[in-house]
Amino acid sequence: MRSSGPGGQHRNKTETGVRLVHKETGITVTATERRSRRQNLDVAFTRMKKRLEEHFKPVKKRVPTKPTAGSKKRHAAEKKHHSQIKEGRKPPRVGE
């Protein structure tokens, strides 16, 4: 493929850019920074290998944890404080 960008006449008349597409996953990588097609091909295969490793890397399952006693106390205190603030916003009741 022909690549675009800086480089002027040399870049416009040579077709040393490489684009690889992995059909099963649809991952596409390109390499256009070298002057040699072979060097660009090597770079593209290295990038494809890295992208495929990332794509197929197993995702670790999250181990659920219980909240600590301190966090429960802080949560309760925050809720109480918030409810007091909201209680203060109410207009005074008439007739009491």
PDB file of N, CA and C in Angstrom:
ATOM      1  N   MET A   1       0.844  -1.181   0.000  1.00  0.00           N
ATOM      2  CA  MET A   1       0.000   0.000   0.000  1.00  0.00           C
ATOM      3  C   MET A   1       0.882   1.234   0.000  1.00  0.00           C
ATOM      4  N   ARG A   2       0.387   2.289  -0.473  1.00  0.00           N
ATOM      5  CA  ARG A   2       1.106   3.551  -0.478  1.00  0.00           C
ATOM      6  C   ARG A   2       0.733   4.289   0.804  1.00  0.00           C
ATOM      7  N   SER A   3       1.709   4.876   1.433  1.00  0.00           N
ATOM      8  CA  SER A   3       1.433   5.545   2.702  1.00  0.00           C
ATOM      9  C   SER A   3       1.400   7.045   2.512  1.00  0.00           C
ATOM     10  N   SER A   4       0.764   7.709   3.450  1.00  0.00           N
ATOM     11  CA  SER A   4       0.672   9.166   3.377  1.00  0.00           C
ATOM     12  C   SER A   4       1.490   9.766   4.501  1.00  0.00           C
ATOM     13  N   GLY A   5       1.594  11.082   4.496  1.00  0.00           N
ATOM     14  CA  GLY A   5       2.302  11.767   5.555  1.00  0.00           C
ATOM     15  C   GLY A   5       3.552  12.441   5.039  1.00  0.00           C
ATOM     16  N   PRO A   6       4.419  12.908   5.949  1.00  0.00           N
ATOM     17  CA  PRO A   6       5.625  13.616   5.523  1.00  0.00           C
ATOM     18  C   PRO A   6       6.583  12.678   4.798  1.00  0.00           C
ATOM     19  N   GLY A   7       7.410  13.224   3.928  1.00  0.00           N
ATOM     20  CA  GLY A   7       8.368  12.408   3.208  1.00  0.00           C
ATOM     21  C   GLY A   7       8.473  12.816   1.756  1.00  0.00           C
ATOM     22  N   GLY A   8       7.528  13.571   1.294  1.00  0.00           N
ATOM     23  CA  GLY A   8       7.601  14.173  -0.029  1.00  0.00           C
ATOM     24  C   GLY A   8       7.624  13.182  -1.172  1.00  0.00           C
ATOM     25  N   GLN A   9       8.515  13.430  -2.128  1.00  0.00           N
ATOM     26  CA  GLN A   9       8.535  12.676  -3.367  1.00  0.00           C
ATOM     27  C   GLN A   9       8.796  11.193  -3.136  1.00  0.00           C
ATOM     28  N   HIS A  10       9.729  10.876  -2.272  1.00  0.00           N
ATOM     29  CA  HIS A  10      10.044   9.466  -2.033  1.00  0.00           C
ATOM     30  C   HIS A  10       8.826   8.721  -1.501  1.00  0.00           C
ATOM     31  N   ARG A  11       8.133   9.330  -0.572  1.00  0.00           N
ATOM     32  CA  ARG A  11       6.986   8.679   0.065  1.00  0.00           C
ATOM     33  C   ARG A  11       5.838   8.506  -0.933  1.00  0.00           C
ATOM     34  N   ASN A  12       5.719   9.436  -1.864  1.00  0.00           N
ATOM     35  CA  ASN A  12       4.609   9.414  -2.798  1.00  0.00           C
ATOM     36  C   ASN A  12       4.789   8.398  -3.935  1.00  0.00           C
ATOM     37  N   LYS A  13       6.022   7.998  -4.218  1.00  0.00           N
ATOM     38  CA  LYS A  13       6.230   7.107  -5.365  1.00  0.00           C
ATOM     39  C   LYS A  13       6.566   5.684  -4.972  1.00  0.00           C
ATOM     40  N   THR A  14       6.746   5.389  -3.714  1.00  0.00           N
ATOM     41  CA  THR A  14       7.046   4.010  -3.309  1.00  0.00           C
ATOM     42  C   THR A  14       5.841   3.411  -2.595  1.00  0.00           C
ATOM     43  N   GLU A  15       5.706   2.110  -2.715  1.00  0.00           N
ATOM     44  CA  GLU A  15       4.591   1.400  -2.077  1.00  0.00           C
ATOM     45  C   GLU A  15       5.154   0.354  -1.130  1.00  0.00           C
ATOM     46  N   THR A  16       5.762   0.838  -0.047  1.00  0.00           N
ATOM     47  CA  THR A  16       6.396  -0.082   0.901  1.00  0.00           C
ATOM     48  C   THR A  16       5.570  -0.259   2.165  1.00  0.00           C
ATOM     49  N   GLY A  17       4.436   0.412   2.290  1.00  0.00           N
ATOM     50  CA  GLY A  17       3.581   0.260   3.466  1.00  0.00           C
ATOM     51  C   GLY A  17       2.921  -1.109   3.481  1.00  0.00           C
ATOM     52  N   VAL A  18       2.684  -1.635   4.688  1.00  0.00           N
ATOM     53  CA  VAL A  18       2.087  -2.960   4.846  1.00  0.00           C
ATOM     54  C   VAL A  18       0.879  -2.848   5.764  1.00  0.00           C
ATOM     55  N   ARG A  19      -0.213  -3.496   5.370  1.00  0.00           N
ATOM     56  CA  ARG A  19      -1.402  -3.568   6.218  1.00  0.00           C
ATOM     57  C   ARG A  19      -1.751  -5.045   6.379  1.00  0.00           C
ATOM     58  N   LEU A  20      -1.869  -5.504   7.636  1.00  0.00           N
ATOM     59  CA  LEU A  20      -2.252  -6.888   7.911  1.00  0.00           C
ATOM     60  C   LEU A  20      -3.633  -6.897   8.554  1.00  0.00           C
ATOM     61  N   VAL A  21      -4.479  -7.846   8.127  1.00  0.00           N
ATOM     62  CA  VAL A  21      -5.821  -7.987   8.687  1.00  0.00           C
ATOM     63  C   VAL A  21      -5.984  -9.419   9.171  1.00  0.00           C
ATOM     64  N   HIS A  22      -6.361  -9.580  10.434  1.00  0.00           N
ATOM     65  CA  HIS A  22      -6.659 -10.904  10.986  1.00  0.00           C
ATOM     66  C   HIS A  22      -8.151 -11.126  10.790  1.00  0.00           C
ATOM     67  N   LYS A  23      -8.493 -12.052   9.898  1.00  0.00           N
ATOM     68  CA  LYS A  23      -9.887 -12.202   9.479  1.00  0.00           C
ATOM     69  C   LYS A  23     -10.805 -12.650  10.612  1.00  0.00           C
ATOM     70  N   GLU A  24     -10.339 -13.555  11.468  1.00  0.00           N
ATOM     71  CA  GLU A  24     -11.206 -14.085  12.526  1.00  0.00           C
ATOM     72  C   GLU A  24     -11.612 -13.015  13.538  1.00  0.00           C
ATOM     73  N   THR A  25     -10.680 -12.129  13.876  1.00  0.00           N
ATOM     74  CA  THR A  25     -10.970 -11.123  14.897  1.00  0.00           C
ATOM     75  C   THR A  25     -11.232  -9.740  14.310  1.00  0.00           C
ATOM     76  N   GLY A  26     -10.818  -9.511  13.064  1.00  0.00           N
ATOM     77  CA  GLY A  26     -11.001  -8.206  12.444  1.00  0.00           C
ATOM     78  C   GLY A  26      -9.954  -7.192  12.858  1.00  0.00           C
ATOM     79  N   ILE A  27      -8.889  -7.636  13.518  1.00  0.00           N
ATOM     80  CA  ILE A  27      -7.818  -6.736  13.957  1.00  0.00           C
ATOM     81  C   ILE A  27      -6.983  -6.341  12.744  1.00  0.00           C
ATOM     82  N   THR A  28      -6.706  -5.042  12.607  1.00  0.00           N
ATOM     83  CA  THR A  28      -5.909  -4.522  11.504  1.00  0.00           C
ATOM     84  C   THR A  28      -4.711  -3.770  12.058  1.00  0.00           C
ATOM     85  N   VAL A  29      -3.533  -4.029  11.491  1.00  0.00           N
ATOM     86  CA  VAL A  29      -2.325  -3.289  11.862  1.00  0.00           C
ATOM     87  C   VAL A  29      -1.654  -2.798  10.588  1.00  0.00           C
ATOM     88  N   THR A  30      -0.966  -1.663  10.683  1.00  0.00           N
ATOM     89  CA  THR A  30      -0.231  -1.123   9.546  1.00  0.00           C
ATOM     90  C   THR A  30       1.172  -0.759   9.982  1.00  0.00           C
ATOM     91  N   ALA A  31       2.087  -0.784   9.016  1.00  0.00           N
ATOM     92  CA  ALA A  31       3.466  -0.353   9.254  1.00  0.00           C
ATOM     93  C   ALA A  31       3.926   0.380   8.006  1.00  0.00           C
ATOM     94  N   THR A  32       4.272   1.652   8.161  1.00  0.00           N
ATOM     95  CA  THR A  32       4.688   2.456   7.010  1.00  0.00           C
ATOM     96  C   THR A  32       5.931   3.288   7.300  1.00  0.00           C
ATOM     97  N   GLU A  33       6.557   3.086   8.453  1.00  0.00           N
ATOM     98  CA  GLU A  33       7.632   4.001   8.822  1.00  0.00           C
ATOM     99  C   GLU A  33       8.994   3.641   8.230  1.00  0.00           C
ATOM    100  N   ARG A  34       9.180   2.417   7.726  1.00  0.00           N
ATOM    101  CA  ARG A  34      10.468   2.007   7.161  1.00  0.00           C
ATOM    102  C   ARG A  34      10.468   2.199   5.650  1.00  0.00           C
ATOM    103  N   ARG A  35      11.665   2.263   5.065  1.00  0.00           N
ATOM    104  CA  ARG A  35      11.769   2.435   3.614  1.00  0.00           C
ATOM    105  C   ARG A  35      11.705   1.096   2.895  1.00  0.00           C
ATOM    106  N   SER A  36      11.899   0.018   3.627  1.00  0.00           N
ATOM    107  CA  SER A  36      11.899  -1.301   3.013  1.00  0.00           C
ATOM    108  C   SER A  36      10.587  -2.016   3.312  1.00  0.00           C
ATOM    109  N   ARG A  37      10.015  -2.663   2.293  1.00  0.00           N
ATOM    110  CA  ARG A  37       8.776  -3.413   2.484  1.00  0.00           C
ATOM    111  C   ARG A  37       9.005  -4.578   3.444  1.00  0.00           C
ATOM    112  N   ARG A  38      10.135  -5.215   3.361  1.00  0.00           N
ATOM    113  CA  ARG A  38      10.441  -6.361   4.236  1.00  0.00           C
ATOM    114  C   ARG A  38      10.501  -5.911   5.699  1.00  0.00           C
ATOM    115  N   GLN A  39      11.150  -4.791   5.958  1.00  0.00           N
ATOM    116  CA  GLN A  39      11.221  -4.275   7.332  1.00  0.00           C
ATOM    117  C   GLN A  39       9.830  -3.914   7.839  1.00  0.00           C
ATOM    118  N   ASN A  40       9.012  -3.306   6.993  1.00  0.00           N
ATOM    119  CA  ASN A  40       7.648  -2.970   7.385  1.00  0.00           C
ATOM    120  C   ASN A  40       6.834  -4.226   7.660  1.00  0.00           C
ATOM    121  N   LEU A  41       7.054  -5.269   6.890  1.00  0.00           N
ATOM    122  CA  LEU A  41       6.340  -6.528   7.102  1.00  0.00           C
ATOM    123  C   LEU A  41       6.714  -7.131   8.452  1.00  0.00           C
ATOM    124  N   ASP A  42       7.988  -7.104   8.786  1.00  0.00           N
ATOM    125  CA  ASP A  42       8.435  -7.619  10.089  1.00  0.00           C
ATOM    126  C   ASP A  42       7.811  -6.827  11.238  1.00  0.00           C
ATOM    127  N   VAL A  43       7.792  -5.507  11.095  1.00  0.00           N
ATOM    128  CA  VAL A  43       7.203  -4.650  12.124  1.00  0.00           C
ATOM    129  C   VAL A  43       5.707  -4.936  12.261  1.00  0.00           C
ATOM    130  N   ALA A  44       5.025  -5.105  11.114  1.00  0.00           N
ATOM    131  CA  ALA A  44       3.584  -5.357  11.140  1.00  0.00           C
ATOM    132  C   ALA A  44       3.272  -6.692  11.814  1.00  0.00           C
ATOM    133  N   PHE A  45       4.053  -7.730  11.524  1.00  0.00           N
ATOM    134  CA  PHE A  45       3.820  -9.021  12.165  1.00  0.00           C
ATOM    135  C   PHE A  45       4.066  -8.954  13.665  1.00  0.00           C
ATOM    136  N   THR A  46       5.067  -8.193  14.080  1.00  0.00           N
ATOM    137  CA  THR A  46       5.328  -8.014  15.515  1.00  0.00           C
ATOM    138  C   THR A  46       4.145  -7.331  16.184  1.00  0.00           C
ATOM    139  N   ARG A  47       3.613  -6.294  15.540  1.00  0.00           N
ATOM    140  CA  ARG A  47       2.451  -5.584  16.099  1.00  0.00           C
ATOM    141  C   ARG A  47       1.219  -6.484  16.149  1.00  0.00           C
ATOM    142  N   MET A  48       1.017  -7.272  15.097  1.00  0.00           N
ATOM    143  CA  MET A  48      -0.133  -8.177  15.060  1.00  0.00           C
ATOM    144  C   MET A  48      -0.032  -9.201  16.184  1.00  0.00           C
ATOM    145  N   LYS A  49       1.157  -9.737  16.402  1.00  0.00           N
ATOM    146  CA  LYS A  49       1.349 -10.713  17.476  1.00  0.00           C
ATOM    147  C   LYS A  49       0.988 -10.102  18.832  1.00  0.00           C
ATOM    148  N   LYS A  50       1.441  -8.867  19.054  1.00  0.00           N
ATOM    149  CA  LYS A  50       1.156  -8.191  20.317  1.00  0.00           C
ATOM    150  C   LYS A  50      -0.342  -7.948  20.489  1.00  0.00           C
ATOM    151  N   ARG A  51      -1.016  -7.483  19.415  1.00  0.00           N
ATOM    152  CA  ARG A  51      -2.459  -7.216  19.482  1.00  0.00           C
ATOM    153  C   ARG A  51      -3.257  -8.492  19.722  1.00  0.00           C
ATOM    154  N   LEU A  52      -2.839  -9.602  19.085  1.00  0.00           N
ATOM    155  CA  LEU A  52      -3.546 -10.867  19.273  1.00  0.00           C
ATOM    156  C   LEU A  52      -3.351 -11.402  20.684  1.00  0.00           C
ATOM    157  N   GLU A  53      -2.146 -11.229  21.235  1.00  0.00           N
ATOM    158  CA  GLU A  53      -1.904 -11.649  22.623  1.00  0.00           C
ATOM    159  C   GLU A  53      -2.801 -10.875  23.574  1.00  0.00           C
ATOM    160  N   GLU A  54      -2.949  -9.578  23.346  1.00  0.00           N
ATOM    161  CA  GLU A  54      -3.830  -8.767  24.190  1.00  0.00           C
ATOM    162  C   GLU A  54      -5.284  -9.190  24.029  1.00  0.00           C
ATOM    163  N   HIS A  55      -5.674  -9.501  22.791  1.00  0.00           N
ATOM    164  CA  HIS A  55      -7.067  -9.849  22.505  1.00  0.00           C
ATOM    165  C   HIS A  55      -7.458 -11.171  23.179  1.00  0.00           C
ATOM    166  N   PHE A  56      -6.552 -12.147  23.150  1.00  0.00           N
ATOM    167  CA  PHE A  56      -6.873 -13.469  23.672  1.00  0.00           C
ATOM    168  C   PHE A  56      -6.405 -13.683  25.107  1.00  0.00           C
ATOM    169  N   LYS A  57      -5.900 -12.650  25.735  1.00  0.00           N
ATOM    170  CA  LYS A  57      -5.463 -12.756  27.122  1.00  0.00           C
ATOM    171  C   LYS A  57      -6.677 -13.020  28.009  1.00  0.00           C
ATOM    172  N   PRO A  58      -6.623 -14.058  28.845  1.00  0.00           N
ATOM    173  CA  PRO A  58      -7.792 -14.360  29.684  1.00  0.00           C
ATOM    174  C   PRO A  58      -8.031 -13.260  30.717  1.00  0.00           C
ATOM    175  N   VAL A  59      -9.299 -12.962  30.931  1.00  0.00           N
ATOM    176  CA  VAL A  59      -9.678 -11.934  31.899  1.00  0.00           C
ATOM    177  C   VAL A  59      -9.856 -12.603  33.259  1.00  0.00           C
ATOM    178  N   LYS A  60      -9.162 -12.092  34.255  1.00  0.00           N
ATOM    179  CA  LYS A  60      -9.283 -12.658  35.591  1.00  0.00           C
ATOM    180  C   LYS A  60     -10.638 -12.310  36.174  1.00  0.00           C
ATOM    181  N   LYS A  61     -11.259 -13.293  36.787  1.00  0.00           N
ATOM    182  CA  LYS A  61     -12.541 -13.041  37.415  1.00  0.00           C
ATOM    183  C   LYS A  61     -12.320 -12.316  38.733  1.00  0.00           C
ATOM    184  N   ARG A  62     -13.207 -11.392  39.022  1.00  0.00           N
ATOM    185  CA  ARG A  62     -13.111 -10.621  40.247  1.00  0.00           C
ATOM    186  C   ARG A  62     -13.575 -11.480  41.416  1.00  0.00           C
ATOM    187  N   VAL A  63     -12.794 -11.454  42.473  1.00  0.00           N
ATOM    188  CA  VAL A  63     -13.172 -12.171  43.682  1.00  0.00           C
ATOM    189  C   VAL A  63     -13.949 -11.197  44.549  1.00  0.00           C
ATOM    190  N   PRO A  64     -15.249 -11.450  44.761  1.00  0.00           N
ATOM    191  CA  PRO A  64     -16.037 -10.508  45.556  1.00  0.00           C
ATOM    192  C   PRO A  64     -15.560 -10.480  47.003  1.00  0.00           C
ATOM    193  N   THR A  65     -15.512  -9.299  47.583  1.00  0.00           N
ATOM    194  CA  THR A  65     -15.090  -9.139  48.967  1.00  0.00           C
ATOM    195  C   THR A  65     -16.211  -8.485  49.765  1.00  0.00           C
ATOM    196  N   LYS A  66     -16.185  -8.737  51.069  1.00  0.00           N
ATOM    197  CA  LYS A  66     -17.189  -8.135  51.936  1.00  0.00           C
ATOM    198  C   LYS A  66     -16.663  -6.814  52.469  1.00  0.00           C
ATOM    199  N   PRO A  67     -17.559  -5.859  52.732  1.00  0.00           N
ATOM    200  CA  PRO A  67     -17.099  -4.586  53.280  1.00  0.00           C
ATOM    201  C   PRO A  67     -16.581  -4.767  54.710  1.00  0.00           C
ATOM    202  N   THR A  68     -15.570  -3.978  55.056  1.00  0.00           N
ATOM    203  CA  THR A  68     -15.000  -4.068  56.403  1.00  0.00           C
ATOM    204  C   THR A  68     -15.935  -3.400  57.409  1.00  0.00           C
ATOM    205  N   ALA A  69     -15.685  -3.676  58.672  1.00  0.00           N
ATOM    206  CA  ALA A  69     -16.508  -3.091  59.734  1.00  0.00           C
ATOM    207  C   ALA A  69     -16.380  -1.564  59.728  1.00  0.00           C
ATOM    208  N   GLY A  70     -15.171  -1.070  59.511  1.00  0.00           N
ATOM    209  CA  GLY A  70     -14.952   0.377  59.479  1.00  0.00           C
ATOM    210  C   GLY A  70     -15.702   1.044  58.342  1.00  0.00           C
ATOM    211  N   SER A  71     -15.706   0.388  57.169  1.00  0.00           N
ATOM    212  CA  SER A  71     -16.401   0.994  56.037  1.00  0.00           C
ATOM    213  C   SER A  71     -17.914   0.987  56.268  1.00  0.00           C
ATOM    214  N   LYS A  72     -18.422  -0.037  56.956  1.00  0.00           N
ATOM    215  CA  LYS A  72     -19.853  -0.062  57.283  1.00  0.00           C
ATOM    216  C   LYS A  72     -20.207   1.097  58.210  1.00  0.00           C
ATOM    217  N   LYS A  73     -19.349   1.352  59.202  1.00  0.00           N
ATOM    218  CA  LYS A  73     -19.600   2.452  60.151  1.00  0.00           C
ATOM    219  C   LYS A  73     -19.565   3.798  59.430  1.00  0.00           C
ATOM    220  N   ARG A  74     -18.564   3.973  58.548  1.00  0.00           N
ATOM    221  CA  ARG A  74     -18.464   5.232  57.805  1.00  0.00           C
ATOM    222  C   ARG A  74     -19.682   5.436  56.914  1.00  0.00           C
ATOM    223  N   HIS A  75     -20.135   4.377  56.273  1.00  0.00           N
ATOM    224  CA  HIS A  75     -21.301   4.466  55.398  1.00  0.00           C
ATOM    225  C   HIS A  75     -22.545   4.867  56.197  1.00  0.00           C
ATOM    226  N   ALA A  76     -22.725   4.250  57.373  1.00  0.00           N
ATOM    227  CA  ALA A  76     -23.880   4.571  58.214  1.00  0.00           C
ATOM    228  C   ALA A  76     -23.811   6.025  58.685  1.00  0.00           C
ATOM    229  N   ALA A  77     -22.606   6.485  59.055  1.00  0.00           N
ATOM    230  CA  ALA A  77     -22.445   7.862  59.526  1.00  0.00           C
ATOM    231  C   ALA A  77     -22.744   8.854  58.398  1.00  0.00           C
ATOM    232  N   GLU A  78     -22.284   8.552  57.179  1.00  0.00           N
ATOM    233  CA  GLU A  78     -22.544   9.428  56.040  1.00  0.00           C
ATOM    234  C   GLU A  78     -24.041   9.493  55.731  1.00  0.00           C
ATOM    235  N   LYS A  79     -24.723   8.358  55.811  1.00  0.00           N
ATOM    236  CA  LYS A  79     -26.161   8.339  55.550  1.00  0.00           C
ATOM    237  C   LYS A  79     -26.903   9.171  56.595  1.00  0.00           C
ATOM    238  N   LYS A  80     -26.490   9.047  57.864  1.00  0.00           N
ATOM    239  CA  LYS A  80     -27.151   9.797  58.930  1.00  0.00           C
ATOM    240  C   LYS A  80     -26.934  11.295  58.723  1.00  0.00           C
ATOM    241  N   HIS A  81     -25.706  11.670  58.391  1.00  0.00           N
ATOM    242  CA  HIS A  81     -25.386  13.077  58.160  1.00  0.00           C
ATOM    243  C   HIS A  81     -26.204  13.621  56.985  1.00  0.00           C
ATOM    244  N   HIS A  82     -26.295  12.858  55.923  1.00  0.00           N
ATOM    245  CA  HIS A  82     -27.037  13.285  54.742  1.00  0.00           C
ATOM    246  C   HIS A  82     -28.532  13.440  55.057  1.00  0.00           C
ATOM    247  N   SER A  83     -29.064  12.514  55.839  1.00  0.00           N
ATOM    248  CA  SER A  83     -30.488  12.605  56.174  1.00  0.00           C
ATOM    249  C   SER A  83     -30.763  13.827  57.052  1.00  0.00           C
ATOM    250  N   GLN A  84     -29.824  14.178  57.932  1.00  0.00           N
ATOM    251  CA  GLN A  84     -29.987  15.369  58.766  1.00  0.00           C
ATOM    252  C   GLN A  84     -29.978  16.632  57.911  1.00  0.00           C
ATOM    253  N   ILE A  85     -29.122  16.655  56.909  1.00  0.00           N
ATOM    254  CA  ILE A  85     -29.076  17.805  56.001  1.00  0.00           C
ATOM    255  C   ILE A  85     -30.416  17.939  55.282  1.00  0.00           C
ATOM    256  N   LYS A  86     -30.944  16.832  54.781  1.00  0.00           N
ATOM    257  CA  LYS A  86     -32.209  16.877  54.053  1.00  0.00           C
ATOM    258  C   LYS A  86     -33.367  17.243  54.985  1.00  0.00           C
ATOM    259  N   GLU A  87     -33.288  16.768  56.211  1.00  0.00           N
ATOM    260  CA  GLU A  87     -34.332  17.087  57.190  1.00  0.00           C
ATOM    261  C   GLU A  87     -34.354  18.588  57.455  1.00  0.00           C
ATOM    262  N   GLY A  88     -33.186  19.218  57.438  1.00  0.00           N
ATOM    263  CA  GLY A  88     -33.090  20.655  57.676  1.00  0.00           C
ATOM    264  C   GLY A  88     -33.666  21.487  56.537  1.00  0.00           C
ATOM    265  N   ARG A  89     -33.810  20.900  55.364  1.00  0.00           N
ATOM    266  CA  ARG A  89     -34.360  21.626  54.220  1.00  0.00           C
ATOM    267  C   ARG A  89     -35.863  21.719  54.243  1.00  0.00           C
ATOM    268  N   LYS A  90     -36.510  20.859  55.004  1.00  0.00           N
ATOM    269  CA  LYS A  90     -37.975  20.830  55.026  1.00  0.00           C
ATOM    270  C   LYS A  90     -38.521  22.085  55.697  1.00  0.00           C
ATOM    271  N   PRO A  91     -39.651  22.577  55.211  1.00  0.00           N
ATOM    272  CA  PRO A  91     -40.253  23.738  55.864  1.00  0.00           C
ATOM    273  C   PRO A  91     -40.860  23.306  57.219  1.00  0.00           C
ATOM    274  N   PRO A  92     -40.949  24.221  58.161  1.00  0.00           N
ATOM    275  CA  PRO A  92     -41.517  23.841  59.449  1.00  0.00           C
ATOM    276  C   PRO A  92     -42.998  23.474  59.310  1.00  0.00           C
ATOM    277  N   ARG A  93     -43.421  22.509  60.132  1.00  0.00           N
ATOM    278  CA  ARG A  93     -44.795  22.052  60.061  1.00  0.00           C
ATOM    279  C   ARG A  93     -45.693  23.037  60.796  1.00  0.00           C
ATOM    280  N   VAL A  94     -46.851  23.303  60.247  1.00  0.00           N
ATOM    281  CA  VAL A  94     -47.789  24.237  60.852  1.00  0.00           C
ATOM    282  C   VAL A  94     -48.753  23.451  61.748  1.00  0.00           C
ATOM    283  N   GLY A  95     -48.993  23.933  62.929  1.00  0.00           N
ATOM    284  CA  GLY A  95     -49.964  23.313  63.812  1.00  0.00           C
ATOM    285  C   GLY A  95     -49.349  22.364  64.823  1.00  0.00           C
ATOM    286  N   GLU A  96     -48.058  22.366  64.927  1.00  0.00           N
ATOM    287  CA  GLU A  96     -47.451  21.470  65.939  1.00  0.00           C
ATOM    288  C   GLU A  96     -46.890  22.257  67.076  1.00  0.00           C
TER     289      GLU A  96
END
